[in-house]
Amino acid sequence: MNNVKISEITYSHFGKCVEISNSEVNLVVTLEFGPRIIRFGFIGGQNEFCENADISVDSKYGKWMIRGGHRLWHSPENVPRTYIADNNPVKYEIIENGIHVTQEIEPWTQIQKEMYITLEPDRNKVNIVHKLTNFNAWPVELSTWTVTVMEPGGKEIIPLSKSSTGSLPNRSIVLWPYSRINDERVSWLDKYVVLDIRPAKDESFKMGTNNDEGWAAYIRNGSLFIKRSEYISGMNYPDSGSSYETYTNGKLVEMEMLSPLEKLEIEGSSTLIETWELKKGITIDEFTEENIDNLVSKYILCKD
């Protein structure tokens, strides 16, 4: 059995961070701002996450910077609420096989963000409990929203619902005002949507769906990143029923999971549990329905 190693490091231009690693993969969690996970990848290999995004939003509550990596938000999206700056240091404590990271209570929103991040000792699997707590003097309705910013150059696979609903609809596709349904980066297959992030195209595209399969994947340079979170049937999800959303502007792609909308009472909390897996040596010559089915059967729906 391998051990999980946890150590403070200085990483790139992000300053003091915590590295969590086993014998194959490592994570880097920022300490000078956040909570953010700025790196995930094979040791000595490429960062699967984008870490040089230069998008920012100014408000009277500070300058929010996308930076890249993985972050925790609350939905529905709104300016300035969603974009409260996370530029202050975070606190952390070591837990079994990982760390617990806590942000200061956000000014104005009075929401506090926490992540419990653990890495399995003998598998390339990360488990994250995302937690939002309401410190307002009144209840707040929100959805826990996790956003993973991937490096461009790959293809994202999003499953569509296969549930049997008789004469009722079983799947939804939600598009934002700036999204073109005929965007050439998007392939609308029968069971999947495939988003190609390889073309150098600056136009923005965003979609959401009721992802009751509970996973999405991204393939780049032979690495397969799988992101999972449980879909809860019968619940009210934000953005016209979207439990999964994706966004690209050509410079990055965001893989986004959302929890059902929930009214948090005073000091009440909402959580979203997410897992990541990373596999190497995975390629697809053509992203046909049959080839994706084979990939899903072999690497995503298989039981380890």
C-alpha atoms as a PDB file:
ATOM      1  CA  MET A   1       0.000   0.000   0.000  1.00  0.00           C
ATOM      2  CA  ASN A   2       1.374   3.409  -0.978  1.00  0.00           C
ATOM      3  CA  ASN A   3       1.300   6.362   1.366  1.00  0.00           C
ATOM      4  CA  VAL A   4      -0.206   9.778   0.749  1.00  0.00           C
ATOM      5  CA  LYS A   5       2.377  12.527   1.195  1.00  0.00           C
ATOM      6  CA  ILE A   6       1.335  16.027   2.287  1.00  0.00           C
ATOM      7  CA  SER A   7       3.802  18.921   2.273  1.00  0.00           C
ATOM      8  CA  GLU A   8       3.943  22.703   1.967  1.00  0.00           C
ATOM      9  CA  ILE A   9       5.612  23.905  -1.236  1.00  0.00           C
ATOM     10  CA  THR A  10       5.980  27.034  -3.375  1.00  0.00           C
ATOM     11  CA  TYR A  11       4.269  26.408  -6.699  1.00  0.00           C
ATOM     12  CA  SER A  12       4.792  28.458  -9.868  1.00  0.00           C
ATOM     13  CA  HIS A  13       3.536  32.052  -9.397  1.00  0.00           C
ATOM     14  CA  PHE A  14       0.855  31.006  -6.876  1.00  0.00           C
ATOM     15  CA  GLY A  15       3.077  31.204  -3.799  1.00  0.00           C
ATOM     16  CA  LYS A  16       2.671  28.973  -0.764  1.00  0.00           C
ATOM     17  CA  CYS A  17       0.641  25.826  -1.484  1.00  0.00           C
ATOM     18  CA  VAL A  18       0.060  22.320  -0.156  1.00  0.00           C
ATOM     19  CA  GLU A  19       0.979  19.351  -2.322  1.00  0.00           C
ATOM     20  CA  ILE A  20      -0.916  16.075  -1.854  1.00  0.00           C
ATOM     21  CA  SER A  21       0.588  13.084  -3.661  1.00  0.00           C
ATOM     22  CA  ASN A  22       0.794   9.330  -3.878  1.00  0.00           C
ATOM     23  CA  SER A  23       3.252   7.378  -6.039  1.00  0.00           C
ATOM     24  CA  GLU A  24       1.594   8.410  -9.333  1.00  0.00           C
ATOM     25  CA  VAL A  25      -0.367  11.677  -9.119  1.00  0.00           C
ATOM     26  CA  ASN A  26      -0.278  14.943  -7.234  1.00  0.00           C
ATOM     27  CA  LEU A  27      -2.603  17.808  -6.338  1.00  0.00           C
ATOM     28  CA  VAL A  28      -1.584  21.358  -5.471  1.00  0.00           C
ATOM     29  CA  VAL A  29      -3.882  23.433  -3.243  1.00  0.00           C
ATOM     30  CA  THR A  30      -3.314  27.176  -2.886  1.00  0.00           C
ATOM     31  CA  LEU A  31      -2.932  28.777   0.550  1.00  0.00           C
ATOM     32  CA  GLU A  32      -2.497  32.472  -0.285  1.00  0.00           C
ATOM     33  CA  PHE A  33      -5.976  32.617  -1.852  1.00  0.00           C
ATOM     34  CA  GLY A  34      -8.825  30.244  -2.457  1.00  0.00           C
ATOM     35  CA  PRO A  35      -9.963  27.652  -1.759  1.00  0.00           C
ATOM     36  CA  ARG A  36      -8.528  26.525  -5.109  1.00  0.00           C
ATOM     37  CA  ILE A  37      -6.908  23.325  -6.380  1.00  0.00           C
ATOM     38  CA  ILE A  38      -4.543  24.674  -9.014  1.00  0.00           C
ATOM     39  CA  ARG A  39      -2.978  21.410 -10.224  1.00  0.00           C
ATOM     40  CA  PHE A  40      -3.920  17.775 -10.763  1.00  0.00           C
ATOM     41  CA  GLY A  41      -1.813  15.449 -12.872  1.00  0.00           C
ATOM     42  CA  PHE A  42       0.680  12.631 -13.074  1.00  0.00           C
ATOM     43  CA  ILE A  43       3.871  13.400 -11.166  1.00  0.00           C
ATOM     44  CA  GLY A  44       6.306  15.031 -13.568  1.00  0.00           C
ATOM     45  CA  GLY A  45       3.609  15.257 -16.236  1.00  0.00           C
ATOM     46  CA  GLN A  46       1.255  17.865 -17.623  1.00  0.00           C
ATOM     47  CA  ASN A  47      -1.181  19.736 -15.432  1.00  0.00           C
ATOM     48  CA  GLU A  48      -4.649  18.635 -16.502  1.00  0.00           C
ATOM     49  CA  PHE A  49      -5.975  21.963 -15.228  1.00  0.00           C
ATOM     50  CA  CYS A  50      -5.548  25.367 -16.831  1.00  0.00           C
ATOM     51  CA  GLU A  51      -3.435  27.545 -14.540  1.00  0.00           C
ATOM     52  CA  ASN A  52      -2.871  30.716 -16.542  1.00  0.00           C
ATOM     53  CA  ALA A  53      -6.370  32.027 -17.245  1.00  0.00           C
ATOM     54  CA  ASP A  54      -6.408  35.839 -17.277  1.00  0.00           C
ATOM     55  CA  ILE A  55     -10.132  36.586 -16.897  1.00  0.00           C
ATOM     56  CA  SER A  56     -11.120  38.934 -14.058  1.00  0.00           C
ATOM     57  CA  VAL A  57     -14.247  40.699 -12.783  1.00  0.00           C
ATOM     58  CA  ASP A  58     -14.086  43.982 -10.816  1.00  0.00           C
ATOM     59  CA  SER A  59     -16.587  44.896  -8.116  1.00  0.00           C
ATOM     60  CA  LYS A  60     -16.677  46.929  -4.894  1.00  0.00           C
ATOM     61  CA  TYR A  61     -15.972  43.627  -3.091  1.00  0.00           C
ATOM     62  CA  GLY A  62     -12.603  43.174  -4.814  1.00  0.00           C
ATOM     63  CA  LYS A  63     -11.143  41.900  -8.066  1.00  0.00           C
ATOM     64  CA  TRP A  64     -12.145  38.297  -8.705  1.00  0.00           C
ATOM     65  CA  MET A  65      -9.627  36.389 -10.855  1.00  0.00           C
ATOM     66  CA  ILE A  66     -10.345  33.098 -12.576  1.00  0.00           C
ATOM     67  CA  ARG A  67      -6.674  31.976 -12.336  1.00  0.00           C
ATOM     68  CA  GLY A  68      -7.666  28.427 -13.314  1.00  0.00           C
ATOM     69  CA  GLY A  69      -7.746  25.138 -11.446  1.00  0.00           C
ATOM     70  CA  HIS A  70     -10.749  23.989  -9.422  1.00  0.00           C
ATOM     71  CA  ARG A  71     -12.976  26.307  -7.388  1.00  0.00           C
ATOM     72  CA  LEU A  72     -16.172  26.338  -5.339  1.00  0.00           C
ATOM     73  CA  TRP A  73     -19.015  28.741  -6.145  1.00  0.00           C
ATOM     74  CA  HIS A  74     -22.693  29.105  -5.310  1.00  0.00           C
ATOM     75  CA  SER A  75     -25.416  29.217  -7.962  1.00  0.00           C
ATOM     76  CA  PRO A  76     -27.503  30.793  -9.511  1.00  0.00           C
ATOM     77  CA  GLU A  77     -24.842  33.015 -11.068  1.00  0.00           C
ATOM     78  CA  ASN A  78     -25.143  36.689 -10.278  1.00  0.00           C
ATOM     79  CA  VAL A  79     -22.862  39.723 -10.274  1.00  0.00           C
ATOM     80  CA  PRO A  80     -21.532  40.625  -7.761  1.00  0.00           C
ATOM     81  CA  ARG A  81     -22.684  37.742  -5.535  1.00  0.00           C
ATOM     82  CA  THR A  82     -20.960  34.939  -7.435  1.00  0.00           C
ATOM     83  CA  TYR A  83     -17.786  36.939  -8.042  1.00  0.00           C
ATOM     84  CA  ILE A  84     -16.822  37.868  -4.480  1.00  0.00           C
ATOM     85  CA  ALA A  85     -13.007  37.927  -4.567  1.00  0.00           C
ATOM     86  CA  ASP A  86     -11.201  34.973  -2.967  1.00  0.00           C
ATOM     87  CA  ASN A  87      -7.826  36.713  -2.756  1.00  0.00           C
ATOM     88  CA  ASN A  88      -7.214  36.276   0.982  1.00  0.00           C
ATOM     89  CA  PRO A  89      -5.267  33.408   2.594  1.00  0.00           C
ATOM     90  CA  VAL A  90      -7.118  30.241   3.603  1.00  0.00           C
ATOM     91  CA  LYS A  91      -6.644  28.030   6.646  1.00  0.00           C
ATOM     92  CA  TYR A  92      -5.968  24.325   6.403  1.00  0.00           C
ATOM     93  CA  GLU A  93      -5.590  21.292   8.609  1.00  0.00           C
ATOM     94  CA  ILE A  94      -4.286  17.860   7.739  1.00  0.00           C
ATOM     95  CA  ILE A  95      -6.830  15.041   7.745  1.00  0.00           C
ATOM     96  CA  GLU A  96      -6.423  11.389   6.796  1.00  0.00           C
ATOM     97  CA  ASN A  97      -4.976  11.256   3.244  1.00  0.00           C
ATOM     98  CA  GLY A  98      -5.562  14.941   2.617  1.00  0.00           C
ATOM     99  CA  ILE A  99      -6.451  18.367   3.960  1.00  0.00           C
ATOM    100  CA  HIS A 100      -9.453  20.432   5.043  1.00  0.00           C
ATOM    101  CA  VAL A 101      -9.338  23.976   3.618  1.00  0.00           C
ATOM    102  CA  THR A 102     -11.481  26.818   5.011  1.00  0.00           C
ATOM    103  CA  GLN A 103     -12.065  30.266   3.522  1.00  0.00           C
ATOM    104  CA  GLU A 104     -12.925  33.347   5.549  1.00  0.00           C
ATOM    105  CA  ILE A 105     -16.647  34.137   5.522  1.00  0.00           C
ATOM    106  CA  GLU A 106     -17.324  36.020   2.307  1.00  0.00           C
ATOM    107  CA  PRO A 107     -18.092  39.719   2.787  1.00  0.00           C
ATOM    108  CA  TRP A 108     -21.614  40.742   1.827  1.00  0.00           C
ATOM    109  CA  THR A 109     -22.837  37.207   0.943  1.00  0.00           C
ATOM    110  CA  GLN A 110     -21.887  35.884   4.423  1.00  0.00           C
ATOM    111  CA  ILE A 111     -21.271  32.449   2.896  1.00  0.00           C
ATOM    112  CA  GLN A 112     -18.257  30.389   3.947  1.00  0.00           C
ATOM    113  CA  LYS A 113     -16.578  27.911   1.593  1.00  0.00           C
ATOM    114  CA  GLU A 114     -14.786  24.730   2.662  1.00  0.00           C
ATOM    115  CA  MET A 115     -13.222  21.757   0.886  1.00  0.00           C
ATOM    116  CA  TYR A 116     -12.274  18.382   2.349  1.00  0.00           C
ATOM    117  CA  ILE A 117      -9.734  17.084  -0.200  1.00  0.00           C
ATOM    118  CA  THR A 118      -8.409  13.526  -0.001  1.00  0.00           C
ATOM    119  CA  LEU A 119      -6.347  11.336  -2.335  1.00  0.00           C
ATOM    120  CA  GLU A 120      -6.584   7.557  -2.262  1.00  0.00           C
ATOM    121  CA  PRO A 121      -3.194   5.970  -1.461  1.00  0.00           C
ATOM    122  CA  ASP A 122      -3.227   3.289  -4.159  1.00  0.00           C
ATOM    123  CA  ARG A 123      -5.494   4.781  -6.854  1.00  0.00           C
ATOM    124  CA  ASN A 124      -5.476   7.896  -9.010  1.00  0.00           C
ATOM    125  CA  LYS A 125      -8.708   8.993  -7.363  1.00  0.00           C
ATOM    126  CA  VAL A 126      -9.508  12.222  -5.530  1.00  0.00           C
ATOM    127  CA  ASN A 127     -12.513  12.709  -3.231  1.00  0.00           C
ATOM    128  CA  ILE A 128     -13.727  16.226  -2.430  1.00  0.00           C
ATOM    129  CA  VAL A 129     -16.494  17.292  -0.082  1.00  0.00           C
ATOM    130  CA  HIS A 130     -17.500  20.856  -0.992  1.00  0.00           C
ATOM    131  CA  LYS A 131     -19.340  22.707   1.772  1.00  0.00           C
ATOM    132  CA  LEU A 132     -21.166  26.060   1.863  1.00  0.00           C
ATOM    133  CA  THR A 133     -22.406  27.481   5.179  1.00  0.00           C
ATOM    134  CA  ASN A 134     -24.818  30.397   5.571  1.00  0.00           C
ATOM    135  CA  PHE A 135     -23.778  32.937   8.224  1.00  0.00           C
ATOM    136  CA  ASN A 136     -26.440  35.472   7.286  1.00  0.00           C
ATOM    137  CA  ALA A 137     -29.164  36.460   9.750  1.00  0.00           C
ATOM    138  CA  TRP A 138     -31.744  35.004   7.349  1.00  0.00           C
ATOM    139  CA  PRO A 139     -32.154  31.912   5.134  1.00  0.00           C
ATOM    140  CA  VAL A 140     -30.491  31.842   1.685  1.00  0.00           C
ATOM    141  CA  GLU A 141     -31.414  29.658  -1.293  1.00  0.00           C
ATOM    142  CA  LEU A 142     -28.485  28.421  -3.346  1.00  0.00           C
ATOM    143  CA  SER A 143     -26.864  25.494  -5.124  1.00  0.00           C
ATOM    144  CA  THR A 144     -23.358  24.223  -4.401  1.00  0.00           C
ATOM    145  CA  TRP A 145     -21.442  24.700  -7.644  1.00  0.00           C
ATOM    146  CA  THR A 146     -18.045  23.154  -8.417  1.00  0.00           C
ATOM    147  CA  VAL A 147     -16.043  24.429 -11.384  1.00  0.00           C
ATOM    148  CA  THR A 148     -12.977  22.639 -12.798  1.00  0.00           C
ATOM    149  CA  VAL A 149     -11.028  24.663 -15.376  1.00  0.00           C
ATOM    150  CA  MET A 150      -9.289  22.367 -17.858  1.00  0.00           C
ATOM    151  CA  GLU A 151      -6.369  23.187 -20.142  1.00  0.00           C
ATOM    152  CA  PRO A 152      -7.551  23.531 -23.773  1.00  0.00           C
ATOM    153  CA  GLY A 153      -6.469  21.125 -26.484  1.00  0.00           C
ATOM    154  CA  GLY A 154      -8.761  18.186 -25.707  1.00  0.00           C
ATOM    155  CA  LYS A 155     -12.325  16.952 -26.062  1.00  0.00           C
ATOM    156  CA  GLU A 156     -15.043  16.878 -23.426  1.00  0.00           C
ATOM    157  CA  ILE A 157     -17.638  14.082 -23.332  1.00  0.00           C
ATOM    158  CA  ILE A 158     -20.989  14.796 -21.664  1.00  0.00           C
ATOM    159  CA  PRO A 159     -23.555  11.971 -21.401  1.00  0.00           C
ATOM    160  CA  LEU A 160     -27.217  12.596 -22.109  1.00  0.00           C
ATOM    161  CA  SER A 161     -29.998  10.965 -20.123  1.00  0.00           C
ATOM    162  CA  LYS A 162     -31.060   7.478 -21.186  1.00  0.00           C
ATOM    163  CA  SER A 163     -33.847   7.196 -18.604  1.00  0.00           C
ATOM    164  CA  SER A 164     -37.149   5.720 -19.763  1.00  0.00           C
ATOM    165  CA  THR A 165     -39.942   8.271 -19.316  1.00  0.00           C
ATOM    166  CA  GLY A 166     -42.586   6.989 -21.718  1.00  0.00           C
ATOM    167  CA  SER A 167     -44.302   9.861 -23.496  1.00  0.00           C
ATOM    168  CA  LEU A 168     -42.567  12.487 -21.327  1.00  0.00           C
ATOM    169  CA  PRO A 169     -39.203  14.116 -22.143  1.00  0.00           C
ATOM    170  CA  ASN A 170     -36.106  12.628 -20.524  1.00  0.00           C
ATOM    171  CA  ARG A 171     -33.348  15.124 -21.329  1.00  0.00           C
ATOM    172  CA  SER A 172     -32.821  18.853 -21.377  1.00  0.00           C
ATOM    173  CA  ILE A 173     -30.324  21.006 -23.237  1.00  0.00           C
ATOM    174  CA  VAL A 174     -29.966  24.519 -21.818  1.00  0.00           C
ATOM    175  CA  LEU A 175     -28.165  27.198 -23.838  1.00  0.00           C
ATOM    176  CA  TRP A 176     -26.959  30.647 -22.770  1.00  0.00           C
ATOM    177  CA  PRO A 177     -27.768  33.722 -24.899  1.00  0.00           C
ATOM    178  CA  TYR A 178     -24.286  33.837 -26.461  1.00  0.00           C
ATOM    179  CA  SER A 179     -24.240  30.112 -27.388  1.00  0.00           C
ATOM    180  CA  ARG A 180     -24.767  29.116 -31.016  1.00  0.00           C
ATOM    181  CA  ILE A 181     -26.499  25.761 -31.443  1.00  0.00           C
ATOM    182  CA  ASN A 182     -24.597  25.279 -34.712  1.00  0.00           C
ATOM    183  CA  ASP A 183     -21.191  25.991 -33.120  1.00  0.00           C
ATOM    184  CA  GLU A 184     -18.766  23.776 -35.056  1.00  0.00           C
ATOM    185  CA  ARG A 185     -16.947  22.787 -31.842  1.00  0.00           C
ATOM    186  CA  VAL A 186     -20.044  20.904 -30.637  1.00  0.00           C
ATOM    187  CA  SER A 187     -21.071  17.425 -31.824  1.00  0.00           C
ATOM    188  CA  TRP A 188     -24.662  16.498 -30.897  1.00  0.00           C
ATOM    189  CA  LEU A 189     -24.707  12.689 -30.802  1.00  0.00           C
ATOM    190  CA  ASP A 190     -27.584  10.482 -29.686  1.00  0.00           C
ATOM    191  CA  LYS A 191     -26.201   9.595 -26.243  1.00  0.00           C
ATOM    192  CA  TYR A 192     -23.461  12.206 -25.817  1.00  0.00           C
ATOM    193  CA  VAL A 193     -22.446  15.781 -26.476  1.00  0.00           C
ATOM    194  CA  VAL A 194     -18.796  16.175 -27.492  1.00  0.00           C
ATOM    195  CA  LEU A 195     -17.140  19.576 -27.130  1.00  0.00           C
ATOM    196  CA  ASP A 196     -13.903  20.058 -29.086  1.00  0.00           C
ATOM    197  CA  ILE A 197     -11.549  22.537 -27.368  1.00  0.00           C
ATOM    198  CA  ARG A 198      -8.780  22.235 -29.937  1.00  0.00           C
ATOM    199  CA  PRO A 199      -9.775  24.961 -32.440  1.00  0.00           C
ATOM    200  CA  ALA A 200      -8.334  28.378 -31.644  1.00  0.00           C
ATOM    201  CA  LYS A 201     -11.743  30.020 -31.380  1.00  0.00           C
ATOM    202  CA  ASP A 202     -12.449  32.857 -28.944  1.00  0.00           C
ATOM    203  CA  GLU A 203     -16.243  32.723 -29.209  1.00  0.00           C
ATOM    204  CA  SER A 204     -17.959  31.737 -25.951  1.00  0.00           C
ATOM    205  CA  PHE A 205     -20.234  28.708 -25.664  1.00  0.00           C
ATOM    206  CA  LYS A 206     -22.088  27.409 -22.611  1.00  0.00           C
ATOM    207  CA  MET A 207     -24.622  24.633 -22.165  1.00  0.00           C
ATOM    208  CA  GLY A 208     -26.288  22.780 -19.314  1.00  0.00           C
ATOM    209  CA  THR A 209     -28.088  19.457 -19.049  1.00  0.00           C
ATOM    210  CA  ASN A 210     -29.819  17.158 -16.560  1.00  0.00           C
ATOM    211  CA  ASN A 211     -26.840  14.834 -16.270  1.00  0.00           C
ATOM    212  CA  ASP A 212     -28.430  11.895 -14.470  1.00  0.00           C
ATOM    213  CA  GLU A 213     -25.481   9.697 -15.473  1.00  0.00           C
ATOM    214  CA  GLY A 214     -23.473  11.658 -12.902  1.00  0.00           C
ATOM    215  CA  TRP A 215     -20.190  11.932 -14.814  1.00  0.00           C
ATOM    216  CA  ALA A 216     -18.351  13.858 -17.521  1.00  0.00           C
ATOM    217  CA  ALA A 217     -14.913  13.269 -19.038  1.00  0.00           C
ATOM    218  CA  TYR A 218     -12.107  15.145 -20.759  1.00  0.00           C
ATOM    219  CA  ILE A 219      -9.419  13.617 -22.996  1.00  0.00           C
ATOM    220  CA  ARG A 220      -6.183  15.452 -23.774  1.00  0.00           C
ATOM    221  CA  ASN A 221      -2.748  14.175 -24.820  1.00  0.00           C
ATOM    222  CA  GLY A 222      -3.591  10.589 -23.856  1.00  0.00           C
ATOM    223  CA  SER A 223      -4.948  11.436 -20.390  1.00  0.00           C
ATOM    224  CA  LEU A 224      -8.560  10.753 -19.425  1.00  0.00           C
ATOM    225  CA  PHE A 225      -9.973  12.922 -16.610  1.00  0.00           C
ATOM    226  CA  ILE A 226     -13.295  11.731 -15.156  1.00  0.00           C
ATOM    227  CA  LYS A 227     -15.398  13.969 -12.916  1.00  0.00           C
ATOM    228  CA  ARG A 228     -18.337  12.472 -10.997  1.00  0.00           C
ATOM    229  CA  SER A 229     -21.106  13.610  -8.661  1.00  0.00           C
ATOM    230  CA  GLU A 230     -24.399  11.990  -7.747  1.00  0.00           C
ATOM    231  CA  TYR A 231     -27.537  13.174  -9.548  1.00  0.00           C
ATOM    232  CA  ILE A 232     -30.557  13.304  -7.231  1.00  0.00           C
ATOM    233  CA  SER A 233     -33.746  12.533  -9.132  1.00  0.00           C
ATOM    234  CA  GLY A 234     -36.852  14.640  -8.533  1.00  0.00           C
ATOM    235  CA  MET A 235     -34.987  17.639  -7.118  1.00  0.00           C
ATOM    236  CA  ASN A 236     -35.007  21.232  -8.380  1.00  0.00           C
ATOM    237  CA  TYR A 237     -31.695  22.090 -10.043  1.00  0.00           C
ATOM    238  CA  PRO A 238     -30.712  25.644 -11.036  1.00  0.00           C
ATOM    239  CA  ASP A 239     -30.509  27.031 -14.576  1.00  0.00           C
ATOM    240  CA  SER A 240     -33.614  25.265 -15.924  1.00  0.00           C
ATOM    241  CA  GLY A 241     -32.770  21.931 -14.340  1.00  0.00           C
ATOM    242  CA  SER A 242     -29.028  21.737 -15.031  1.00  0.00           C
ATOM    243  CA  SER A 243     -26.992  19.434 -12.817  1.00  0.00           C
ATOM    244  CA  TYR A 244     -24.021  19.748 -15.184  1.00  0.00           C
ATOM    245  CA  GLU A 245     -22.774  22.708 -17.185  1.00  0.00           C
ATOM    246  CA  THR A 246     -19.798  23.437 -19.400  1.00  0.00           C
ATOM    247  CA  TYR A 247     -18.297  26.671 -20.693  1.00  0.00           C
ATOM    248  CA  THR A 248     -15.516  27.467 -23.156  1.00  0.00           C
ATOM    249  CA  ASN A 249     -14.077  30.591 -24.700  1.00  0.00           C
ATOM    250  CA  GLY A 250     -11.366  28.787 -26.649  1.00  0.00           C
ATOM    251  CA  LYS A 251      -8.721  29.491 -23.994  1.00  0.00           C
ATOM    252  CA  LEU A 252     -10.110  27.048 -21.429  1.00  0.00           C
ATOM    253  CA  VAL A 253     -13.017  24.737 -20.722  1.00  0.00           C
ATOM    254  CA  GLU A 254     -14.962  24.570 -17.469  1.00  0.00           C
ATOM    255  CA  MET A 255     -16.515  21.316 -16.238  1.00  0.00           C
ATOM    256  CA  GLU A 256     -19.214  22.234 -13.727  1.00  0.00           C
ATOM    257  CA  MET A 257     -21.294  20.146 -11.322  1.00  0.00           C
ATOM    258  CA  LEU A 258     -24.264  21.583  -9.407  1.00  0.00           C
ATOM    259  CA  SER A 259     -26.297  20.388  -6.432  1.00  0.00           C
ATOM    260  CA  PRO A 260     -30.086  20.853  -6.178  1.00  0.00           C
ATOM    261  CA  LEU A 261     -31.264  24.265  -5.024  1.00  0.00           C
ATOM    262  CA  GLU A 262     -31.584  24.304  -1.248  1.00  0.00           C
ATOM    263  CA  LYS A 263     -32.730  26.883   1.299  1.00  0.00           C
ATOM    264  CA  LEU A 264     -30.010  27.164   3.927  1.00  0.00           C
ATOM    265  CA  GLU A 265     -31.260  28.227   7.313  1.00  0.00           C
ATOM    266  CA  ILE A 266     -29.073  30.365   9.597  1.00  0.00           C
ATOM    267  CA  GLU A 267     -25.744  28.496  10.000  1.00  0.00           C
ATOM    268  CA  GLY A 268     -27.113  25.754   7.743  1.00  0.00           C
ATOM    269  CA  SER A 269     -24.850  24.025   5.223  1.00  0.00           C
ATOM    270  CA  SER A 270     -25.030  22.500   1.758  1.00  0.00           C
ATOM    271  CA  THR A 271     -22.550  19.942   0.414  1.00  0.00           C
ATOM    272  CA  LEU A 272     -21.625  18.449  -2.934  1.00  0.00           C
ATOM    273  CA  ILE A 273     -19.383  15.384  -3.013  1.00  0.00           C
ATOM    274  CA  GLU A 274     -17.273  14.963  -6.122  1.00  0.00           C
ATOM    275  CA  THR A 275     -14.682  12.420  -7.245  1.00  0.00           C
ATOM    276  CA  TRP A 276     -11.966  12.672  -9.884  1.00  0.00           C
ATOM    277  CA  GLU A 277     -10.112   9.898 -11.640  1.00  0.00           C
ATOM    278  CA  LEU A 278      -7.135  10.161 -13.975  1.00  0.00           C
ATOM    279  CA  LYS A 279      -6.077   7.486 -16.454  1.00  0.00           C
ATOM    280  CA  LYS A 280      -3.237   7.545 -18.984  1.00  0.00           C
ATOM    281  CA  GLY A 281      -2.627   6.032 -22.392  1.00  0.00           C
ATOM    282  CA  ILE A 282      -6.221   6.672 -23.504  1.00  0.00           C
ATOM    283  CA  THR A 283      -6.918   7.758 -27.081  1.00  0.00           C
ATOM    284  CA  ILE A 284      -9.864   7.767 -29.498  1.00  0.00           C
ATOM    285  CA  ASP A 285      -9.274   7.988 -33.247  1.00  0.00           C
ATOM    286  CA  GLU A 286     -12.801   9.189 -34.002  1.00  0.00           C
ATOM    287  CA  PHE A 287     -15.407  10.356 -31.504  1.00  0.00           C
ATOM    288  CA  THR A 288     -18.200   8.217 -32.881  1.00  0.00           C
ATOM    289  CA  GLU A 289     -21.068   6.894 -30.774  1.00  0.00           C
ATOM    290  CA  GLU A 290     -19.593   3.379 -30.889  1.00  0.00           C
ATOM    291  CA  ASN A 291     -16.072   4.469 -29.933  1.00  0.00           C
ATOM    292  CA  ILE A 292     -17.346   6.555 -27.031  1.00  0.00           C
ATOM    293  CA  ASP A 293     -19.552   3.658 -25.890  1.00  0.00           C
ATOM    294  CA  ASN A 294     -16.446   1.446 -25.787  1.00  0.00           C
ATOM    295  CA  LEU A 295     -14.481   4.068 -23.835  1.00  0.00           C
ATOM    296  CA  VAL A 296     -17.308   4.533 -21.341  1.00  0.00           C
ATOM    297  CA  SER A 297     -17.755   0.789 -20.850  1.00  0.00           C
ATOM    298  CA  LYS A 298     -14.037   0.147 -20.372  1.00  0.00           C
ATOM    299  CA  TYR A 299     -12.927   3.138 -18.296  1.00  0.00           C
ATOM    300  CA  ILE A 300     -15.915   4.990 -16.848  1.00  0.00           C
ATOM    301  CA  LEU A 301     -18.636   2.477 -15.986  1.00  0.00           C
ATOM    302  CA  CYS A 302     -16.231  -0.338 -15.148  1.00  0.00           C
ATOM    303  CA  LYS A 303     -15.932  -1.512 -11.554  1.00  0.00           C
ATOM    304  CA  ASP A 304     -12.336  -1.346 -10.294  1.00  0.00           C
END
